[in-house]
Amino acid sequence: MNTEVENNEEAQVNLYELLGGAEKLREMVDRFYDLMELEPEFAGIRALHPTPMDGSRDKLFWFLSGWMGGPDLYIEQFGHPRLRARHLPYAIASSERDQWLRCMAWAMQDVGVSEDLQQHLMQSFYQTADWMRNRPG
């Protein structure tokens, strides 16, 4: 399989740069939260977030920046993300996992993330989102 991600010459793929850096990442995160607020199919995950969602938008942007190989903005402000521990207070089952993944896939499509990069990111997002489940179902 010959993909943009696999053809990156760096030993460690810098997803942040492949995506397009801070501007493209912010656009993707903002679209993700816009869709969460606009689309009824994401009501389950929307209910898990505060109003307004500005803090959530920033935290996801900061986290993904470092996770994708860009600046470690989240760690600089809050230390280790401890994702599972931070999400334990929220009921996350397969439905919430799937809503999050669908919302992110839609956001990536809307902002023009390449197919190869979308596929790569969705594999990683699925692993993390599945690990975050803390309720049966």
N, C-alpha and C. Protein backbone atom coordinates (compact mmCIF):
# COMPACT_ATOMS: atom_id res chain seq x y z
N MET A 1 0.85 -1.18 0.00
CA MET A 1 0.00 0.00 0.00
C MET A 1 0.89 1.24 0.00
N ASN A 2 0.65 2.11 -0.90
CA ASN A 2 1.48 3.29 -1.06
C ASN A 2 0.69 4.51 -0.62
N THR A 3 0.94 4.96 0.60
CA THR A 3 0.17 6.08 1.12
C THR A 3 1.06 7.25 1.48
N GLU A 4 0.44 8.39 1.59
CA GLU A 4 1.14 9.62 2.00
C GLU A 4 1.79 9.43 3.36
N VAL A 5 1.08 8.78 4.29
CA VAL A 5 1.60 8.58 5.64
C VAL A 5 2.81 7.65 5.59
N GLU A 6 2.71 6.55 4.83
CA GLU A 6 3.81 5.59 4.76
C GLU A 6 5.00 6.14 3.99
N ASN A 7 4.77 7.08 3.08
CA ASN A 7 5.86 7.62 2.28
C ASN A 7 6.60 8.76 2.96
N ASN A 8 6.14 9.20 4.11
CA ASN A 8 6.84 10.25 4.82
C ASN A 8 8.24 9.74 5.16
N GLU A 9 9.27 10.49 4.84
CA GLU A 9 10.63 10.01 4.98
C GLU A 9 11.13 10.04 6.42
N GLU A 10 10.46 10.73 7.31
CA GLU A 10 10.89 10.74 8.70
C GLU A 10 10.65 9.36 9.32
N ALA A 11 11.55 8.96 10.22
CA ALA A 11 11.37 7.68 10.91
C ALA A 11 10.08 7.73 11.72
N GLN A 12 9.83 8.83 12.36
CA GLN A 12 8.60 9.03 13.13
C GLN A 12 7.71 9.97 12.30
N VAL A 13 6.58 9.47 11.85
CA VAL A 13 5.68 10.28 11.04
C VAL A 13 5.18 11.44 11.88
N ASN A 14 5.33 12.65 11.35
CA ASN A 14 4.82 13.82 12.04
C ASN A 14 3.44 14.14 11.47
N LEU A 15 2.44 13.61 12.13
CA LEU A 15 1.06 13.79 11.67
C LEU A 15 0.65 15.26 11.69
N TYR A 16 1.18 15.99 12.64
CA TYR A 16 0.88 17.42 12.77
C TYR A 16 1.24 18.15 11.48
N GLU A 17 2.43 17.88 10.95
CA GLU A 17 2.86 18.54 9.72
C GLU A 17 2.08 18.01 8.52
N LEU A 18 1.83 16.69 8.48
CA LEU A 18 1.05 16.13 7.38
C LEU A 18 -0.36 16.73 7.33
N LEU A 19 -0.92 16.98 8.49
CA LEU A 19 -2.26 17.57 8.56
C LEU A 19 -2.26 19.00 8.03
N GLY A 20 -1.20 19.73 8.34
CA GLY A 20 -1.13 21.13 7.92
C GLY A 20 -0.85 22.08 9.07
N GLY A 21 -0.43 21.54 10.23
CA GLY A 21 -0.04 22.38 11.36
C GLY A 21 -1.22 22.89 12.16
N ALA A 22 -0.92 23.93 12.96
CA ALA A 22 -1.88 24.46 13.92
C ALA A 22 -3.17 24.96 13.27
N GLU A 23 -3.05 25.64 12.17
CA GLU A 23 -4.23 26.23 11.52
C GLU A 23 -5.21 25.14 11.08
N LYS A 24 -4.70 24.09 10.44
CA LYS A 24 -5.57 23.01 9.97
C LYS A 24 -6.12 22.21 11.14
N LEU A 25 -5.30 21.98 12.15
CA LEU A 25 -5.76 21.25 13.33
C LEU A 25 -6.88 22.03 14.03
N ARG A 26 -6.72 23.32 14.19
CA ARG A 26 -7.76 24.15 14.82
C ARG A 26 -9.04 24.09 14.00
N GLU A 27 -8.91 24.15 12.68
CA GLU A 27 -10.08 24.08 11.80
C GLU A 27 -10.80 22.74 12.00
N MET A 28 -10.04 21.66 12.08
CA MET A 28 -10.63 20.33 12.26
C MET A 28 -11.33 20.20 13.61
N VAL A 29 -10.68 20.66 14.67
CA VAL A 29 -11.27 20.59 16.01
C VAL A 29 -12.51 21.47 16.09
N ASP A 30 -12.45 22.66 15.53
CA ASP A 30 -13.63 23.53 15.56
C ASP A 30 -14.79 22.92 14.78
N ARG A 31 -14.50 22.30 13.65
CA ARG A 31 -15.56 21.66 12.88
C ARG A 31 -16.15 20.49 13.66
N PHE A 32 -15.31 19.74 14.35
CA PHE A 32 -15.76 18.63 15.19
C PHE A 32 -16.78 19.12 16.22
N TYR A 33 -16.46 20.19 16.92
CA TYR A 33 -17.38 20.70 17.94
C TYR A 33 -18.59 21.40 17.33
N ASP A 34 -18.42 22.03 16.17
CA ASP A 34 -19.58 22.61 15.48
C ASP A 34 -20.58 21.51 15.13
N LEU A 35 -20.07 20.41 14.57
CA LEU A 35 -20.95 19.29 14.21
C LEU A 35 -21.63 18.71 15.44
N MET A 36 -20.90 18.63 16.54
CA MET A 36 -21.46 18.09 17.77
C MET A 36 -22.65 18.94 18.23
N GLU A 37 -22.54 20.25 18.03
CA GLU A 37 -23.64 21.13 18.42
C GLU A 37 -24.79 21.15 17.42
N LEU A 38 -24.48 20.93 16.15
CA LEU A 38 -25.48 21.08 15.09
C LEU A 38 -26.26 19.81 14.76
N GLU A 39 -25.61 18.66 14.86
CA GLU A 39 -26.19 17.43 14.36
C GLU A 39 -26.84 16.59 15.47
N PRO A 40 -28.12 16.28 15.34
CA PRO A 40 -28.83 15.50 16.35
C PRO A 40 -28.19 14.13 16.65
N GLU A 41 -27.52 13.54 15.66
CA GLU A 41 -26.92 12.22 15.88
C GLU A 41 -25.78 12.25 16.90
N PHE A 42 -25.30 13.45 17.25
CA PHE A 42 -24.22 13.57 18.22
C PHE A 42 -24.70 14.10 19.58
N ALA A 43 -26.00 14.07 19.79
CA ALA A 43 -26.57 14.58 21.04
C ALA A 43 -26.03 13.86 22.27
N GLY A 44 -25.75 12.58 22.14
CA GLY A 44 -25.23 11.81 23.27
C GLY A 44 -23.89 12.32 23.75
N ILE A 45 -22.98 12.62 22.83
CA ILE A 45 -21.68 13.13 23.27
C ILE A 45 -21.74 14.62 23.58
N ARG A 46 -22.65 15.32 22.93
CA ARG A 46 -22.81 16.76 23.26
C ARG A 46 -23.22 16.92 24.71
N ALA A 47 -24.08 16.02 25.19
CA ALA A 47 -24.57 16.10 26.57
C ALA A 47 -23.46 15.89 27.60
N LEU A 48 -22.35 15.32 27.19
CA LEU A 48 -21.24 15.09 28.11
C LEU A 48 -20.33 16.30 28.26
N HIS A 49 -20.58 17.33 27.47
CA HIS A 49 -19.71 18.52 27.45
C HIS A 49 -20.41 19.71 28.10
N PRO A 50 -19.61 20.62 28.66
CA PRO A 50 -20.19 21.84 29.26
C PRO A 50 -20.64 22.82 28.19
N THR A 51 -21.42 23.80 28.61
CA THR A 51 -21.82 24.89 27.74
C THR A 51 -21.28 26.18 28.34
N PRO A 52 -20.59 26.98 27.57
CA PRO A 52 -20.15 26.74 26.21
C PRO A 52 -19.02 25.71 26.16
N MET A 53 -18.67 25.28 24.96
CA MET A 53 -17.65 24.24 24.80
C MET A 53 -16.27 24.81 24.46
N ASP A 54 -16.05 26.08 24.70
CA ASP A 54 -14.77 26.70 24.36
C ASP A 54 -13.59 25.99 25.03
N GLY A 55 -13.74 25.65 26.30
CA GLY A 55 -12.67 24.96 27.01
C GLY A 55 -12.41 23.58 26.44
N SER A 56 -13.47 22.90 26.07
CA SER A 56 -13.33 21.57 25.45
C SER A 56 -12.63 21.68 24.11
N ARG A 57 -13.00 22.69 23.33
CA ARG A 57 -12.35 22.91 22.03
C ARG A 57 -10.84 23.11 22.21
N ASP A 58 -10.51 23.98 23.14
CA ASP A 58 -9.09 24.26 23.38
C ASP A 58 -8.34 23.02 23.86
N LYS A 59 -8.92 22.30 24.80
CA LYS A 59 -8.23 21.12 25.34
C LYS A 59 -8.00 20.06 24.28
N LEU A 60 -8.98 19.81 23.42
CA LEU A 60 -8.77 18.82 22.36
C LEU A 60 -7.71 19.32 21.38
N PHE A 61 -7.75 20.59 21.03
CA PHE A 61 -6.73 21.15 20.14
C PHE A 61 -5.35 21.01 20.76
N TRP A 62 -5.21 21.40 22.04
CA TRP A 62 -3.92 21.31 22.71
C TRP A 62 -3.43 19.86 22.79
N PHE A 63 -4.35 18.95 23.13
CA PHE A 63 -3.97 17.55 23.24
C PHE A 63 -3.52 17.00 21.88
N LEU A 64 -4.36 17.20 20.85
CA LEU A 64 -4.02 16.64 19.54
C LEU A 64 -2.76 17.26 18.96
N SER A 65 -2.46 18.49 19.29
CA SER A 65 -1.22 19.12 18.83
C SER A 65 -0.02 18.27 19.25
N GLY A 66 0.07 17.97 20.51
CA GLY A 66 1.19 17.16 21.00
C GLY A 66 1.13 15.73 20.54
N TRP A 67 -0.07 15.15 20.56
CA TRP A 67 -0.25 13.76 20.17
C TRP A 67 0.16 13.53 18.72
N MET A 68 -0.05 14.55 17.88
CA MET A 68 0.28 14.43 16.46
C MET A 68 1.72 14.82 16.14
N GLY A 69 2.50 15.21 17.13
CA GLY A 69 3.89 15.55 16.89
C GLY A 69 4.18 17.03 16.83
N GLY A 70 3.19 17.85 17.13
CA GLY A 70 3.40 19.29 17.19
C GLY A 70 3.74 19.71 18.60
N PRO A 71 3.59 20.98 18.91
CA PRO A 71 3.89 21.47 20.26
C PRO A 71 3.04 20.75 21.32
N ASP A 72 3.65 20.43 22.45
CA ASP A 72 2.98 19.74 23.56
C ASP A 72 2.18 20.74 24.42
N LEU A 73 1.22 21.38 23.81
CA LEU A 73 0.48 22.46 24.47
C LEU A 73 -0.30 21.96 25.68
N TYR A 74 -0.90 20.80 25.59
CA TYR A 74 -1.70 20.27 26.70
C TYR A 74 -0.79 19.93 27.89
N ILE A 75 0.29 19.23 27.62
CA ILE A 75 1.21 18.82 28.69
C ILE A 75 1.83 20.04 29.36
N GLU A 76 2.14 21.06 28.59
CA GLU A 76 2.70 22.29 29.16
C GLU A 76 1.76 22.93 30.17
N GLN A 77 0.46 22.81 29.94
CA GLN A 77 -0.52 23.46 30.82
C GLN A 77 -1.02 22.55 31.95
N PHE A 78 -1.18 21.26 31.64
CA PHE A 78 -1.87 20.38 32.59
C PHE A 78 -1.07 19.15 33.00
N GLY A 79 0.08 18.92 32.41
CA GLY A 79 0.83 17.70 32.69
C GLY A 79 0.31 16.55 31.84
N HIS A 80 0.63 15.34 32.26
CA HIS A 80 0.23 14.15 31.50
C HIS A 80 -1.28 14.15 31.30
N PRO A 81 -1.75 13.80 30.10
CA PRO A 81 -3.19 13.85 29.81
C PRO A 81 -4.05 12.90 30.65
N ARG A 82 -3.52 11.74 31.04
CA ARG A 82 -4.30 10.77 31.81
C ARG A 82 -5.72 10.66 31.24
N LEU A 83 -5.81 10.39 29.94
CA LEU A 83 -7.09 10.42 29.24
C LEU A 83 -8.17 9.57 29.90
N ARG A 84 -7.86 8.34 30.18
CA ARG A 84 -8.89 7.47 30.75
C ARG A 84 -9.35 7.99 32.11
N ALA A 85 -8.43 8.36 32.95
CA ALA A 85 -8.79 8.87 34.28
C ALA A 85 -9.64 10.14 34.17
N ARG A 86 -9.29 11.03 33.25
CA ARG A 86 -10.05 12.27 33.09
C ARG A 86 -11.46 12.04 32.54
N HIS A 87 -11.66 10.92 31.85
CA HIS A 87 -12.96 10.65 31.27
C HIS A 87 -13.81 9.69 32.10
N LEU A 88 -13.27 9.13 33.17
CA LEU A 88 -14.04 8.17 33.98
C LEU A 88 -15.34 8.73 34.54
N PRO A 89 -15.42 10.01 34.89
CA PRO A 89 -16.69 10.53 35.41
C PRO A 89 -17.84 10.54 34.38
N TYR A 90 -17.51 10.36 33.12
CA TYR A 90 -18.52 10.44 32.06
C TYR A 90 -18.87 9.04 31.57
N ALA A 91 -20.15 8.79 31.40
CA ALA A 91 -20.61 7.49 30.93
C ALA A 91 -20.28 7.35 29.45
N ILE A 92 -19.32 6.49 29.15
CA ILE A 92 -18.89 6.27 27.77
C ILE A 92 -19.05 4.79 27.46
N ALA A 93 -20.00 4.50 26.58
CA ALA A 93 -20.23 3.13 26.11
C ALA A 93 -19.96 3.12 24.60
N SER A 94 -20.31 2.05 23.95
CA SER A 94 -20.06 1.95 22.51
C SER A 94 -20.77 3.05 21.72
N SER A 95 -21.96 3.45 22.14
CA SER A 95 -22.70 4.50 21.45
C SER A 95 -21.93 5.82 21.46
N GLU A 96 -21.41 6.21 22.61
CA GLU A 96 -20.65 7.45 22.72
C GLU A 96 -19.35 7.36 21.93
N ARG A 97 -18.69 6.20 22.03
CA ARG A 97 -17.46 5.99 21.25
C ARG A 97 -17.75 6.19 19.76
N ASP A 98 -18.81 5.55 19.29
CA ASP A 98 -19.13 5.60 17.87
C ASP A 98 -19.56 7.00 17.43
N GLN A 99 -20.27 7.72 18.28
CA GLN A 99 -20.65 9.10 17.96
C GLN A 99 -19.39 9.97 17.83
N TRP A 100 -18.46 9.81 18.76
CA TRP A 100 -17.23 10.60 18.74
C TRP A 100 -16.47 10.32 17.45
N LEU A 101 -16.34 9.04 17.11
CA LEU A 101 -15.60 8.67 15.91
C LEU A 101 -16.28 9.19 14.64
N ARG A 102 -17.60 9.08 14.57
CA ARG A 102 -18.33 9.55 13.39
C ARG A 102 -18.21 11.07 13.26
N CYS A 103 -18.31 11.75 14.38
CA CYS A 103 -18.19 13.21 14.37
C CYS A 103 -16.80 13.63 13.89
N MET A 104 -15.77 12.95 14.38
CA MET A 104 -14.40 13.29 13.97
C MET A 104 -14.17 12.94 12.49
N ALA A 105 -14.70 11.80 12.04
CA ALA A 105 -14.54 11.44 10.63
C ALA A 105 -15.20 12.50 9.74
N TRP A 106 -16.39 12.94 10.13
CA TRP A 106 -17.12 13.96 9.37
C TRP A 106 -16.33 15.27 9.36
N ALA A 107 -15.79 15.65 10.51
CA ALA A 107 -15.01 16.89 10.60
C ALA A 107 -13.78 16.83 9.69
N MET A 108 -13.08 15.69 9.69
CA MET A 108 -11.90 15.56 8.84
C MET A 108 -12.27 15.66 7.37
N GLN A 109 -13.39 15.05 6.99
CA GLN A 109 -13.84 15.14 5.60
C GLN A 109 -14.18 16.58 5.23
N ASP A 110 -14.89 17.25 6.13
CA ASP A 110 -15.32 18.62 5.85
C ASP A 110 -14.17 19.59 5.68
N VAL A 111 -13.07 19.38 6.39
CA VAL A 111 -11.94 20.32 6.30
C VAL A 111 -10.89 19.86 5.29
N GLY A 112 -11.15 18.75 4.60
CA GLY A 112 -10.27 18.34 3.51
C GLY A 112 -9.03 17.58 3.91
N VAL A 113 -9.08 16.82 4.99
CA VAL A 113 -7.94 15.98 5.35
C VAL A 113 -7.86 14.87 4.30
N SER A 114 -6.67 14.57 3.83
CA SER A 114 -6.50 13.56 2.79
C SER A 114 -7.04 12.20 3.25
N GLU A 115 -7.48 11.40 2.29
CA GLU A 115 -8.03 10.07 2.59
C GLU A 115 -7.03 9.21 3.36
N ASP A 116 -5.77 9.21 2.92
CA ASP A 116 -4.76 8.39 3.59
C ASP A 116 -4.58 8.80 5.05
N LEU A 117 -4.51 10.10 5.27
CA LEU A 117 -4.33 10.58 6.64
C LEU A 117 -5.58 10.32 7.47
N GLN A 118 -6.76 10.49 6.88
CA GLN A 118 -8.00 10.17 7.59
C GLN A 118 -7.99 8.72 8.06
N GLN A 119 -7.63 7.81 7.17
CA GLN A 119 -7.62 6.39 7.53
C GLN A 119 -6.63 6.11 8.65
N HIS A 120 -5.46 6.69 8.55
CA HIS A 120 -4.44 6.50 9.59
C HIS A 120 -4.93 7.04 10.94
N LEU A 121 -5.46 8.25 10.93
CA LEU A 121 -5.94 8.86 12.17
C LEU A 121 -7.12 8.09 12.75
N MET A 122 -8.03 7.66 11.90
CA MET A 122 -9.21 6.94 12.41
C MET A 122 -8.82 5.63 13.08
N GLN A 123 -7.80 4.95 12.58
CA GLN A 123 -7.34 3.73 13.26
C GLN A 123 -6.86 4.06 14.66
N SER A 124 -6.07 5.10 14.80
CA SER A 124 -5.57 5.50 16.12
C SER A 124 -6.70 6.02 17.00
N PHE A 125 -7.58 6.83 16.43
CA PHE A 125 -8.71 7.35 17.21
C PHE A 125 -9.60 6.22 17.71
N TYR A 126 -9.81 5.21 16.86
CA TYR A 126 -10.64 4.08 17.29
C TYR A 126 -10.02 3.38 18.50
N GLN A 127 -8.73 3.11 18.44
CA GLN A 127 -8.07 2.43 19.56
C GLN A 127 -8.24 3.22 20.86
N THR A 128 -8.03 4.52 20.79
CA THR A 128 -8.16 5.35 21.98
C THR A 128 -9.61 5.45 22.44
N ALA A 129 -10.51 5.69 21.50
CA ALA A 129 -11.93 5.83 21.85
C ALA A 129 -12.47 4.53 22.44
N ASP A 130 -12.05 3.41 21.92
CA ASP A 130 -12.51 2.13 22.44
C ASP A 130 -12.00 1.92 23.86
N TRP A 131 -10.77 2.33 24.10
CA TRP A 131 -10.14 2.20 25.43
C TRP A 131 -10.85 3.11 26.45
N MET A 132 -11.46 4.18 25.99
CA MET A 132 -12.13 5.12 26.88
C MET A 132 -13.47 4.62 27.40
N ARG A 133 -14.01 3.58 26.76
CA ARG A 133 -15.31 3.06 27.22
C ARG A 133 -15.20 2.61 28.67
N ASN A 134 -16.17 3.03 29.46
CA ASN A 134 -16.19 2.69 30.88
C ASN A 134 -17.56 2.20 31.36
N ARG A 135 -18.43 1.95 30.40
CA ARG A 135 -19.77 1.43 30.69
C ARG A 135 -20.06 0.31 29.71
N PRO A 136 -20.86 -0.69 30.15
CA PRO A 136 -21.22 -1.76 29.21
C PRO A 136 -22.10 -1.23 28.09
N GLY A 137 -22.06 -1.95 27.00
CA GLY A 137 -22.94 -1.60 25.88
C GLY A 137 -22.26 -0.86 24.80
